[in-house]
């Protein structure tokens, strides 16, 4: 067991004590991923000097693919391309907006039904009592006259409007609120109270 441990320690010591050397005349060459090799630099891929020296295109010369103007060291002026593309995009967006505006159709409302001046939604928001909770005094005669009174209206909202227009909730000449809660027939303020 001791022999195995000694051999293992020696092997580990041998791994960590090795010296890594770097040649003093290291030559790093950039190789393009696709296409032909760049003519920039003083050496070709074969390691021989280029006969004409470094090939640097003049500033402002158009690039090969036409996307912008080449700068020194064979680089593309991306800022110039971006500004030109932004102008193209802005012109296209403006044309699309103008086209959408030409297709816009505005409808004017006609024959809008008119209210009779009673806002049941506002009344529901201003009232705080529950349905059936007596708030207003009603006479016995009003309770008797209320029998069948709600049947004259198409909806509970219509009955509530008529009730408020006739002096409600304080008065109830048509017998629409016999329990005195301020709500005619089966009208419920809860849906209107839930509105924001």
N, C-alpha and C. Protein backbone atom coordinates (compact mmCIF):
# COMPACT_ATOMS: atom_id res chain seq x y z
N UNK A 1 0.81 -1.19 0.00
CA UNK A 1 0.00 0.00 0.00
C UNK A 1 0.86 1.26 0.00
N UNK A 2 1.99 1.20 0.79
CA UNK A 2 2.88 2.35 0.84
C UNK A 2 3.56 2.58 -0.50
N UNK A 3 3.87 1.50 -1.17
CA UNK A 3 4.54 1.62 -2.47
C UNK A 3 3.61 2.31 -3.47
N UNK A 4 2.34 1.95 -3.46
CA UNK A 4 1.36 2.56 -4.37
C UNK A 4 1.24 4.05 -4.07
N UNK A 5 1.22 4.44 -2.80
CA UNK A 5 1.10 5.84 -2.43
C UNK A 5 2.33 6.63 -2.86
N UNK A 6 3.55 6.02 -2.72
CA UNK A 6 4.78 6.70 -3.11
C UNK A 6 4.80 6.89 -4.62
N UNK A 7 4.39 5.88 -5.38
CA UNK A 7 4.37 5.96 -6.85
C UNK A 7 3.37 7.03 -7.30
N UNK A 8 2.23 7.07 -6.66
CA UNK A 8 1.20 8.05 -7.01
C UNK A 8 1.69 9.46 -6.72
N UNK A 9 2.35 9.68 -5.58
CA UNK A 9 2.88 11.01 -5.25
C UNK A 9 3.95 11.42 -6.24
N UNK A 10 4.80 10.49 -6.65
CA UNK A 10 5.84 10.81 -7.61
C UNK A 10 5.26 11.19 -8.96
N UNK A 11 4.21 10.48 -9.35
CA UNK A 11 3.57 10.78 -10.63
C UNK A 11 2.94 12.17 -10.60
N UNK A 12 2.29 12.50 -9.50
CA UNK A 12 1.68 13.83 -9.37
C UNK A 12 2.74 14.91 -9.34
N UNK A 13 3.85 14.68 -8.66
CA UNK A 13 4.93 15.66 -8.61
C UNK A 13 5.53 15.87 -9.99
N UNK A 14 5.62 14.82 -10.78
CA UNK A 14 6.15 14.93 -12.13
C UNK A 14 5.24 15.75 -13.03
N UNK A 15 3.90 15.67 -12.80
CA UNK A 15 2.96 16.45 -13.61
C UNK A 15 3.05 17.94 -13.31
N UNK A 16 3.28 18.28 -12.07
CA UNK A 16 3.26 19.69 -11.70
C UNK A 16 4.61 20.37 -11.87
N UNK A 17 5.67 19.61 -12.00
CA UNK A 17 6.98 20.23 -12.09
C UNK A 17 7.46 20.44 -13.52
N UNK A 18 6.67 20.04 -14.52
CA UNK A 18 7.12 20.21 -15.90
C UNK A 18 7.11 21.68 -16.28
N UNK A 19 8.03 22.09 -17.10
CA UNK A 19 8.17 23.48 -17.50
C UNK A 19 7.54 23.66 -18.87
N UNK A 20 6.73 24.71 -19.02
CA UNK A 20 6.11 25.02 -20.31
C UNK A 20 6.96 26.07 -20.96
N UNK A 21 7.37 25.84 -22.17
CA UNK A 21 8.21 26.81 -22.86
C UNK A 21 7.45 27.39 -24.05
N UNK A 22 7.70 28.68 -24.32
CA UNK A 22 7.09 29.39 -25.43
C UNK A 22 8.22 29.84 -26.33
N UNK A 23 8.16 29.56 -27.63
CA UNK A 23 9.24 29.98 -28.51
C UNK A 23 9.33 31.51 -28.55
N UNK A 24 10.54 32.03 -28.65
CA UNK A 24 10.75 33.47 -28.65
C UNK A 24 10.35 34.11 -29.98
N UNK A 25 10.36 33.36 -31.06
CA UNK A 25 10.01 33.93 -32.37
C UNK A 25 8.61 33.49 -32.80
N UNK A 26 7.64 33.58 -31.87
CA UNK A 26 6.27 33.17 -32.17
C UNK A 26 5.67 34.08 -33.24
N UNK A 27 4.97 33.49 -34.22
CA UNK A 27 4.37 34.24 -35.31
C UNK A 27 2.89 33.89 -35.35
N UNK A 28 2.03 34.85 -35.03
CA UNK A 28 0.59 34.62 -35.03
C UNK A 28 0.03 35.26 -36.28
N UNK A 29 -0.69 34.48 -37.08
CA UNK A 29 -1.26 34.96 -38.33
C UNK A 29 -2.77 34.79 -38.28
N UNK A 30 -3.52 35.83 -38.60
CA UNK A 30 -4.98 35.75 -38.62
C UNK A 30 -5.42 35.15 -39.93
N UNK A 31 -6.22 34.09 -39.88
CA UNK A 31 -6.69 33.41 -41.07
C UNK A 31 -8.20 33.65 -41.17
N UNK A 32 -8.69 34.13 -42.32
CA UNK A 32 -10.13 34.36 -42.44
C UNK A 32 -10.89 33.04 -42.40
N UNK A 33 -12.15 33.09 -41.89
CA UNK A 33 -12.95 31.88 -41.78
C UNK A 33 -13.43 31.41 -43.14
N UNK A 34 -13.81 32.34 -44.02
CA UNK A 34 -14.29 31.96 -45.35
C UNK A 34 -13.69 32.91 -46.36
N UNK A 35 -13.77 32.55 -47.62
CA UNK A 35 -13.32 33.43 -48.69
C UNK A 35 -11.81 33.37 -48.85
N UNK A 36 -11.30 34.32 -49.59
CA UNK A 36 -9.87 34.36 -49.87
C UNK A 36 -9.14 35.06 -48.72
N UNK A 37 -7.85 34.84 -48.66
CA UNK A 37 -7.04 35.43 -47.60
C UNK A 37 -6.95 36.93 -47.79
N UNK A 38 -6.88 37.67 -46.69
CA UNK A 38 -6.76 39.12 -46.75
C UNK A 38 -5.40 39.51 -47.27
N UNK A 39 -5.37 40.61 -48.03
CA UNK A 39 -4.09 41.09 -48.53
C UNK A 39 -3.42 42.03 -47.55
N UNK A 40 -4.05 42.27 -46.42
CA UNK A 40 -3.48 43.18 -45.43
C UNK A 40 -2.32 42.51 -44.71
N UNK A 41 -1.31 43.28 -44.39
CA UNK A 41 -0.18 42.76 -43.61
C UNK A 41 1.05 42.64 -44.49
N UNK A 42 2.14 42.33 -43.83
CA UNK A 42 3.40 42.26 -44.56
C UNK A 42 3.76 40.85 -44.96
N UNK A 43 2.94 39.89 -44.60
CA UNK A 43 3.28 38.51 -44.93
C UNK A 43 2.07 37.81 -45.49
N UNK A 44 2.28 36.93 -46.43
CA UNK A 44 1.20 36.12 -46.97
C UNK A 44 1.05 34.90 -46.09
N UNK A 45 0.09 34.03 -46.45
CA UNK A 45 -0.12 32.82 -45.66
C UNK A 45 1.07 31.88 -45.75
N UNK A 46 1.85 32.00 -46.80
CA UNK A 46 3.02 31.12 -46.93
C UNK A 46 4.18 31.56 -46.06
N UNK A 47 4.09 32.76 -45.45
CA UNK A 47 5.16 33.23 -44.60
C UNK A 47 6.12 34.15 -45.32
N UNK A 48 5.94 34.32 -46.63
CA UNK A 48 6.84 35.19 -47.39
C UNK A 48 6.31 36.61 -47.36
N UNK A 49 7.18 37.62 -47.35
CA UNK A 49 6.72 39.01 -47.35
C UNK A 49 5.98 39.34 -48.64
N UNK A 50 4.97 40.19 -48.51
CA UNK A 50 4.20 40.63 -49.68
C UNK A 50 5.07 41.59 -50.47
N UNK A 51 5.11 41.46 -51.80
CA UNK A 51 6.02 42.31 -52.56
C UNK A 51 5.68 43.79 -52.50
N UNK A 52 4.44 44.13 -52.32
CA UNK A 52 4.05 45.54 -52.30
C UNK A 52 3.93 46.11 -50.90
N UNK A 53 4.21 45.34 -49.90
CA UNK A 53 4.09 45.80 -48.53
C UNK A 53 2.63 45.71 -48.07
N UNK A 54 2.27 46.34 -46.95
CA UNK A 54 0.90 46.27 -46.45
C UNK A 54 -0.08 46.88 -47.44
N UNK A 55 -1.22 46.20 -47.64
CA UNK A 55 -2.25 46.66 -48.55
C UNK A 55 -3.34 47.35 -47.72
N UNK A 56 -3.33 48.65 -47.61
CA UNK A 56 -4.32 49.41 -46.84
C UNK A 56 -5.16 50.21 -47.82
N UNK A 57 -6.44 49.95 -47.91
CA UNK A 57 -7.26 50.70 -48.85
C UNK A 57 -7.38 52.14 -48.39
N UNK A 58 -7.58 53.07 -49.34
CA UNK A 58 -7.72 54.47 -48.96
C UNK A 58 -8.99 54.69 -48.16
N UNK A 59 -8.96 55.69 -47.26
CA UNK A 59 -10.12 56.01 -46.43
C UNK A 59 -11.25 56.50 -47.32
N UNK A 60 -12.44 55.98 -47.11
CA UNK A 60 -13.61 56.41 -47.87
C UNK A 60 -13.84 55.60 -49.13
N UNK A 61 -12.96 54.66 -49.46
CA UNK A 61 -13.17 53.83 -50.64
C UNK A 61 -14.33 52.89 -50.38
N UNK A 62 -15.17 52.63 -51.38
CA UNK A 62 -16.32 51.75 -51.15
C UNK A 62 -15.86 50.32 -50.87
N UNK A 63 -16.63 49.63 -50.02
CA UNK A 63 -16.30 48.26 -49.70
C UNK A 63 -16.73 47.35 -50.84
N UNK A 64 -16.24 46.11 -50.80
CA UNK A 64 -16.50 45.18 -51.89
C UNK A 64 -17.97 44.82 -52.00
N UNK A 65 -18.68 44.70 -50.88
CA UNK A 65 -20.08 44.30 -50.95
C UNK A 65 -21.03 45.49 -51.00
N UNK A 66 -20.52 46.71 -51.02
CA UNK A 66 -21.35 47.89 -51.18
C UNK A 66 -22.14 48.29 -49.96
N UNK A 67 -21.82 47.75 -48.78
CA UNK A 67 -22.59 48.08 -47.58
C UNK A 67 -22.06 49.29 -46.86
N UNK A 68 -20.97 49.84 -47.27
CA UNK A 68 -20.44 51.01 -46.59
C UNK A 68 -19.10 51.39 -47.16
N UNK A 69 -18.47 52.34 -46.53
CA UNK A 69 -17.15 52.77 -46.99
C UNK A 69 -16.08 52.12 -46.12
N UNK A 70 -15.06 51.61 -46.77
CA UNK A 70 -13.99 50.94 -46.03
C UNK A 70 -13.10 51.97 -45.36
N UNK A 71 -12.68 51.66 -44.15
CA UNK A 71 -11.71 52.50 -43.44
C UNK A 71 -10.34 51.87 -43.58
N UNK A 72 -9.40 52.40 -42.85
CA UNK A 72 -8.07 51.81 -42.90
C UNK A 72 -8.11 50.41 -42.32
N UNK A 73 -7.13 49.61 -42.66
CA UNK A 73 -6.98 48.23 -42.20
C UNK A 73 -8.14 47.35 -42.64
N UNK A 74 -8.71 47.63 -43.79
CA UNK A 74 -9.73 46.77 -44.40
C UNK A 74 -10.95 46.57 -43.50
N UNK A 75 -11.39 47.61 -42.82
CA UNK A 75 -12.57 47.54 -41.96
C UNK A 75 -13.70 48.33 -42.58
N UNK A 76 -14.94 47.98 -42.25
CA UNK A 76 -16.11 48.66 -42.77
C UNK A 76 -16.58 49.69 -41.76
N UNK A 77 -16.96 50.85 -42.23
CA UNK A 77 -17.49 51.88 -41.35
C UNK A 77 -18.94 51.53 -41.03
N UNK A 78 -19.13 50.79 -39.94
CA UNK A 78 -20.48 50.35 -39.58
C UNK A 78 -21.38 51.51 -39.20
N UNK A 79 -20.82 52.58 -38.64
CA UNK A 79 -21.63 53.73 -38.27
C UNK A 79 -22.26 54.36 -39.50
N UNK A 80 -21.48 54.48 -40.57
CA UNK A 80 -22.01 55.08 -41.78
C UNK A 80 -23.11 54.19 -42.37
N UNK A 81 -22.92 52.89 -42.36
CA UNK A 81 -23.94 51.97 -42.87
C UNK A 81 -25.19 52.04 -42.01
N UNK A 82 -25.01 52.10 -40.68
CA UNK A 82 -26.15 52.15 -39.78
C UNK A 82 -26.98 53.41 -40.00
N UNK A 83 -26.33 54.55 -40.15
CA UNK A 83 -27.07 55.79 -40.38
C UNK A 83 -27.83 55.74 -41.70
N UNK A 84 -27.19 55.21 -42.72
CA UNK A 84 -27.87 55.10 -44.01
C UNK A 84 -29.05 54.15 -43.91
N UNK A 85 -28.87 53.04 -43.18
CA UNK A 85 -29.97 52.08 -43.03
C UNK A 85 -31.10 52.67 -42.19
N UNK A 86 -30.76 53.48 -41.19
CA UNK A 86 -31.81 54.13 -40.40
C UNK A 86 -32.65 55.06 -41.26
N UNK A 87 -32.00 55.77 -42.18
CA UNK A 87 -32.75 56.65 -43.08
C UNK A 87 -33.68 55.85 -43.99
N UNK A 88 -33.20 54.71 -44.47
CA UNK A 88 -34.03 53.85 -45.31
C UNK A 88 -35.21 53.31 -44.51
N UNK A 89 -34.94 52.85 -43.28
CA UNK A 89 -36.01 52.31 -42.43
C UNK A 89 -37.03 53.39 -42.08
N UNK A 90 -36.55 54.61 -41.80
CA UNK A 90 -37.47 55.71 -41.46
C UNK A 90 -38.34 56.07 -42.65
N UNK A 91 -37.77 56.08 -43.85
CA UNK A 91 -38.57 56.39 -45.05
C UNK A 91 -39.61 55.32 -45.29
N UNK A 92 -39.26 54.04 -45.06
CA UNK A 92 -40.22 52.95 -45.24
C UNK A 92 -41.33 53.03 -44.19
N UNK A 93 -40.97 53.33 -42.96
CA UNK A 93 -41.98 53.46 -41.90
C UNK A 93 -42.93 54.61 -42.19
N UNK A 94 -42.41 55.72 -42.70
CA UNK A 94 -43.26 56.85 -43.04
C UNK A 94 -44.21 56.50 -44.18
N UNK A 95 -43.71 55.75 -45.17
CA UNK A 95 -44.56 55.32 -46.28
C UNK A 95 -45.66 54.39 -45.79
N UNK A 96 -45.31 53.47 -44.87
CA UNK A 96 -46.33 52.56 -44.30
C UNK A 96 -47.37 53.35 -43.51
N UNK A 97 -46.93 54.35 -42.75
CA UNK A 97 -47.86 55.17 -41.98
C UNK A 97 -48.79 55.96 -42.89
N UNK A 98 -48.23 56.54 -43.95
CA UNK A 98 -49.06 57.29 -44.91
C UNK A 98 -50.08 56.38 -45.58
N UNK A 99 -49.67 55.15 -45.90
CA UNK A 99 -50.58 54.19 -46.50
C UNK A 99 -51.70 53.81 -45.54
N UNK A 100 -51.35 53.61 -44.27
CA UNK A 100 -52.37 53.27 -43.26
C UNK A 100 -53.34 54.43 -43.06
N UNK A 101 -52.83 55.67 -43.09
CA UNK A 101 -53.72 56.83 -42.94
C UNK A 101 -54.68 56.96 -44.11
N UNK A 102 -54.22 56.59 -45.32
CA UNK A 102 -55.12 56.64 -46.48
C UNK A 102 -56.24 55.62 -46.36
N UNK A 103 -55.98 54.51 -45.68
CA UNK A 103 -56.99 53.46 -45.53
C UNK A 103 -57.90 53.67 -44.32
N UNK A 104 -57.59 54.65 -43.50
CA UNK A 104 -58.37 54.91 -42.29
C UNK A 104 -59.78 55.37 -42.65
N UNK A 105 -60.76 54.78 -42.02
CA UNK A 105 -62.16 55.15 -42.22
C UNK A 105 -62.72 55.61 -40.88
N UNK A 106 -63.29 56.81 -40.86
CA UNK A 106 -63.86 57.37 -39.64
C UNK A 106 -65.38 57.34 -39.76
N UNK A 107 -66.03 56.72 -38.80
CA UNK A 107 -67.48 56.65 -38.79
C UNK A 107 -68.02 57.69 -37.82
N UNK A 108 -68.97 58.47 -38.27
CA UNK A 108 -69.63 59.45 -37.41
C UNK A 108 -70.89 58.80 -36.84
N UNK A 109 -71.09 58.89 -35.54
CA UNK A 109 -72.29 58.28 -34.94
C UNK A 109 -73.56 59.01 -35.38
N UNK A 110 -74.58 58.23 -35.66
CA UNK A 110 -75.88 58.80 -36.04
C UNK A 110 -76.96 58.13 -35.21
N UNK A 111 -78.04 58.83 -35.02
CA UNK A 111 -79.20 58.31 -34.28
C UNK A 111 -78.80 57.78 -32.90
N UNK A 112 -78.05 58.57 -32.17
CA UNK A 112 -77.64 58.19 -30.83
C UNK A 112 -78.84 58.35 -29.90
N UNK A 113 -79.19 57.30 -29.16
CA UNK A 113 -80.34 57.44 -28.25
C UNK A 113 -80.05 58.46 -27.16
N UNK A 114 -81.05 59.26 -26.86
CA UNK A 114 -80.87 60.30 -25.84
C UNK A 114 -81.43 59.83 -24.51
N UNK A 115 -80.75 60.19 -23.45
CA UNK A 115 -81.21 59.88 -22.10
C UNK A 115 -82.23 60.94 -21.67
N UNK A 116 -83.08 60.56 -20.74
CA UNK A 116 -84.08 61.51 -20.27
C UNK A 116 -83.55 62.36 -19.11
N UNK A 117 -82.24 62.40 -18.92
CA UNK A 117 -81.66 63.25 -17.91
C UNK A 117 -81.40 62.54 -16.59
N UNK A 118 -81.81 61.28 -16.44
CA UNK A 118 -81.61 60.54 -15.20
C UNK A 118 -80.46 59.56 -15.40
N UNK A 119 -79.45 59.66 -14.56
CA UNK A 119 -78.27 58.79 -14.66
C UNK A 119 -78.33 57.78 -13.53
N UNK A 120 -78.76 56.54 -13.86
CA UNK A 120 -78.89 55.52 -12.83
C UNK A 120 -77.53 55.04 -12.33
N UNK A 121 -76.51 55.09 -13.19
CA UNK A 121 -75.17 54.68 -12.75
C UNK A 121 -74.63 55.63 -11.69
N UNK A 122 -74.83 56.92 -11.90
CA UNK A 122 -74.39 57.91 -10.92
C UNK A 122 -75.16 57.75 -9.60
N UNK A 123 -76.45 57.50 -9.70
CA UNK A 123 -77.26 57.29 -8.49
C UNK A 123 -76.77 56.05 -7.73
N UNK A 124 -76.44 54.98 -8.47
CA UNK A 124 -75.96 53.76 -7.81
C UNK A 124 -74.65 54.02 -7.09
N UNK A 125 -73.76 54.83 -7.69
CA UNK A 125 -72.47 55.14 -7.06
C UNK A 125 -72.65 56.00 -5.81
N UNK A 126 -73.65 56.88 -5.84
CA UNK A 126 -73.86 57.80 -4.71
C UNK A 126 -74.61 57.15 -3.55
N UNK A 127 -75.38 56.11 -3.82
CA UNK A 127 -76.10 55.43 -2.75
C UNK A 127 -75.18 54.40 -2.09
N UNK A 128 -75.42 54.16 -0.80
CA UNK A 128 -74.55 53.24 -0.06
C UNK A 128 -75.31 52.09 0.59
N UNK A 129 -76.63 52.16 0.64
CA UNK A 129 -77.40 51.11 1.32
C UNK A 129 -77.56 49.88 0.44
N UNK A 130 -77.94 48.77 1.09
CA UNK A 130 -78.16 47.51 0.39
C UNK A 130 -79.59 47.45 -0.14
N UNK A 131 -79.82 46.55 -1.08
CA UNK A 131 -81.17 46.33 -1.61
C UNK A 131 -82.04 45.77 -0.48
N UNK A 132 -83.21 46.37 -0.30
CA UNK A 132 -84.14 45.94 0.74
C UNK A 132 -83.95 46.65 2.07
N UNK A 133 -82.88 47.42 2.24
CA UNK A 133 -82.64 48.16 3.48
C UNK A 133 -83.44 49.46 3.43
N UNK A 134 -84.41 49.61 4.35
CA UNK A 134 -85.31 50.76 4.35
C UNK A 134 -84.55 52.04 4.73
N UNK A 135 -84.67 53.05 3.85
CA UNK A 135 -84.02 54.33 4.07
C UNK A 135 -85.07 55.45 4.02
N UNK A 136 -86.11 55.26 3.21
CA UNK A 136 -87.13 56.30 3.00
C UNK A 136 -88.48 55.78 3.47
N UNK A 137 -89.29 56.69 4.03
CA UNK A 137 -90.62 56.33 4.53
C UNK A 137 -91.59 56.17 3.36
N UNK A 138 -92.38 55.12 3.42
CA UNK A 138 -93.43 54.88 2.43
C UNK A 138 -94.74 54.63 3.18
N UNK A 139 -95.81 55.20 2.63
CA UNK A 139 -97.13 55.04 3.25
C UNK A 139 -97.72 53.69 2.88
N UNK A 140 -98.74 53.31 3.63
CA UNK A 140 -99.42 52.04 3.35
C UNK A 140 -100.09 52.11 1.99
N UNK A 141 -100.62 53.29 1.63
CA UNK A 141 -101.27 53.44 0.32
C UNK A 141 -100.28 53.24 -0.82
N UNK A 142 -99.04 53.68 -0.62
CA UNK A 142 -98.03 53.51 -1.66
C UNK A 142 -97.69 52.04 -1.84
N UNK A 143 -97.73 51.30 -0.73
CA UNK A 143 -97.45 49.86 -0.84
C UNK A 143 -98.56 49.14 -1.59
N UNK A 144 -99.77 49.56 -1.37
CA UNK A 144 -100.90 48.93 -2.06
C UNK A 144 -100.88 49.29 -3.55
N UNK A 145 -100.57 50.55 -3.87
CA UNK A 145 -100.57 50.98 -5.27
C UNK A 145 -99.40 50.42 -6.07
N UNK A 146 -98.43 49.83 -5.38
CA UNK A 146 -97.28 49.30 -6.08
C UNK A 146 -97.54 47.96 -6.75
N UNK A 147 -98.66 47.35 -6.43
CA UNK A 147 -98.95 46.03 -7.01
C UNK A 147 -99.16 46.20 -8.52
N UNK A 148 -98.33 45.55 -9.29
CA UNK A 148 -98.43 45.59 -10.75
C UNK A 148 -97.78 46.80 -11.40
N UNK A 149 -97.24 47.73 -10.60
CA UNK A 149 -96.67 48.95 -11.17
C UNK A 149 -95.40 48.67 -11.97
N UNK A 150 -94.63 47.70 -11.55
CA UNK A 150 -93.37 47.41 -12.24
C UNK A 150 -93.58 46.78 -13.61
N UNK A 151 -94.74 46.22 -13.84
CA UNK A 151 -95.02 45.58 -15.13
C UNK A 151 -95.16 46.56 -16.28
N UNK A 152 -95.23 47.86 -15.99
CA UNK A 152 -95.37 48.87 -17.04
C UNK A 152 -94.03 49.22 -17.70
N UNK A 153 -92.94 48.68 -17.24
CA UNK A 153 -91.60 49.06 -17.73
C UNK A 153 -90.91 47.85 -18.36
N UNK A 154 -90.16 48.13 -19.41
CA UNK A 154 -89.48 47.06 -20.14
C UNK A 154 -88.34 46.44 -19.35
N UNK A 155 -87.69 47.23 -18.52
CA UNK A 155 -86.55 46.72 -17.74
C UNK A 155 -86.54 47.39 -16.38
N UNK A 156 -85.74 46.83 -15.49
CA UNK A 156 -85.59 47.42 -14.16
C UNK A 156 -84.89 48.78 -14.24
N UNK A 157 -83.98 48.94 -15.22
CA UNK A 157 -83.33 50.24 -15.40
C UNK A 157 -84.35 51.31 -15.79
N UNK A 158 -85.29 50.94 -16.68
CA UNK A 158 -86.34 51.90 -17.07
C UNK A 158 -87.20 52.27 -15.87
N UNK A 159 -87.52 51.29 -15.04
CA UNK A 159 -88.33 51.57 -13.84
C UNK A 159 -87.57 52.48 -12.88
N UNK A 160 -86.27 52.26 -12.72
CA UNK A 160 -85.47 53.10 -11.83
C UNK A 160 -85.39 54.53 -12.36
N UNK A 161 -85.24 54.69 -13.68
CA UNK A 161 -85.21 56.03 -14.27
C UNK A 161 -86.54 56.75 -14.03
N UNK A 162 -87.64 56.04 -14.25
CA UNK A 162 -88.97 56.65 -14.04
C UNK A 162 -89.17 57.01 -12.57
N UNK A 163 -88.69 56.15 -11.69
CA UNK A 163 -88.80 56.39 -10.26
C UNK A 163 -88.04 57.66 -9.86
N UNK A 164 -86.81 57.81 -10.34
CA UNK A 164 -86.01 58.98 -10.00
C UNK A 164 -86.56 60.24 -10.66
N UNK A 165 -87.08 60.12 -11.88
CA UNK A 165 -87.63 61.28 -12.59
C UNK A 165 -88.90 61.79 -11.92
N UNK A 166 -89.63 60.91 -11.21
CA UNK A 166 -90.89 61.30 -10.57
C UNK A 166 -90.68 61.81 -9.15
N UNK A 167 -89.42 62.03 -8.74
CA UNK A 167 -89.18 62.58 -7.40
C UNK A 167 -88.48 61.63 -6.46
N UNK A 168 -88.15 60.44 -6.93
CA UNK A 168 -87.46 59.48 -6.08
C UNK A 168 -86.03 59.91 -5.82
N UNK A 169 -85.45 59.42 -4.81
CA UNK A 169 -85.94 58.38 -3.92
C UNK A 169 -86.78 58.88 -2.75
N UNK A 170 -86.87 60.23 -2.54
CA UNK A 170 -87.64 60.73 -1.40
C UNK A 170 -89.13 60.46 -1.57
N UNK A 171 -89.64 60.68 -2.78
CA UNK A 171 -91.07 60.46 -3.04
C UNK A 171 -91.23 59.30 -4.00
N UNK A 172 -92.38 58.62 -3.91
CA UNK A 172 -92.67 57.48 -4.78
C UNK A 172 -94.13 57.53 -5.20
N UNK A 173 -94.50 58.49 -6.07
CA UNK A 173 -95.91 58.61 -6.44
C UNK A 173 -96.41 57.45 -7.29
N UNK A 174 -95.53 56.74 -7.97
CA UNK A 174 -95.97 55.64 -8.85
C UNK A 174 -95.91 54.28 -8.16
N UNK A 175 -95.49 54.23 -6.92
CA UNK A 175 -95.46 52.97 -6.18
C UNK A 175 -94.42 51.99 -6.69
N UNK A 176 -93.27 52.49 -7.10
CA UNK A 176 -92.23 51.61 -7.62
C UNK A 176 -91.23 51.16 -6.55
N UNK A 177 -91.28 51.80 -5.38
CA UNK A 177 -90.34 51.47 -4.31
C UNK A 177 -91.10 51.29 -2.99
N UNK A 178 -91.89 50.22 -2.87
CA UNK A 178 -92.71 50.06 -1.66
C UNK A 178 -91.90 49.79 -0.39
N UNK A 179 -90.70 49.22 -0.49
CA UNK A 179 -89.92 48.91 0.71
C UNK A 179 -89.06 50.09 1.17
N UNK A 180 -88.96 51.18 0.38
CA UNK A 180 -88.25 52.38 0.80
C UNK A 180 -86.74 52.28 0.77
N UNK A 181 -86.19 51.38 -0.03
CA UNK A 181 -84.73 51.29 -0.10
C UNK A 181 -84.14 52.25 -1.14
N UNK A 182 -84.99 52.92 -1.91
CA UNK A 182 -84.51 53.86 -2.93
C UNK A 182 -84.28 53.20 -4.28
N UNK A 183 -84.63 51.92 -4.40
CA UNK A 183 -84.42 51.18 -5.64
C UNK A 183 -85.77 50.66 -6.13
N UNK A 184 -86.13 51.04 -7.35
CA UNK A 184 -87.43 50.66 -7.90
C UNK A 184 -87.45 49.20 -8.33
N UNK A 185 -88.60 48.58 -8.09
CA UNK A 185 -88.86 47.20 -8.53
C UNK A 185 -87.71 46.28 -8.09
N UNK A 186 -87.08 45.58 -9.03
CA UNK A 186 -85.98 44.67 -8.67
C UNK A 186 -84.64 45.24 -9.12
N UNK A 187 -84.56 46.56 -9.25
CA UNK A 187 -83.32 47.18 -9.72
C UNK A 187 -82.22 47.00 -8.67
N UNK A 188 -81.01 46.61 -9.14
CA UNK A 188 -79.89 46.35 -8.24
C UNK A 188 -78.74 47.29 -8.61
N UNK A 189 -78.24 48.09 -7.67
CA UNK A 189 -77.14 49.01 -7.99
C UNK A 189 -75.77 48.35 -8.06
N UNK A 190 -75.66 47.09 -7.67
CA UNK A 190 -74.35 46.43 -7.57
C UNK A 190 -73.55 46.45 -8.88
N UNK A 191 -74.14 46.15 -10.05
CA UNK A 191 -73.34 46.19 -11.29
C UNK A 191 -72.76 47.57 -11.57
N UNK A 192 -73.52 48.63 -11.27
CA UNK A 192 -73.03 49.98 -11.50
C UNK A 192 -71.97 50.39 -10.47
N UNK A 193 -72.13 49.92 -9.25
CA UNK A 193 -71.14 50.21 -8.22
C UNK A 193 -69.80 49.55 -8.52
N UNK A 194 -69.83 48.44 -9.25
CA UNK A 194 -68.60 47.72 -9.57
C UNK A 194 -67.80 48.40 -10.68
N UNK A 195 -68.44 49.32 -11.41
CA UNK A 195 -67.75 50.02 -12.50
C UNK A 195 -66.76 51.02 -11.93
N UNK A 196 -65.64 51.21 -12.65
CA UNK A 196 -64.65 52.23 -12.22
C UNK A 196 -64.78 53.46 -13.06
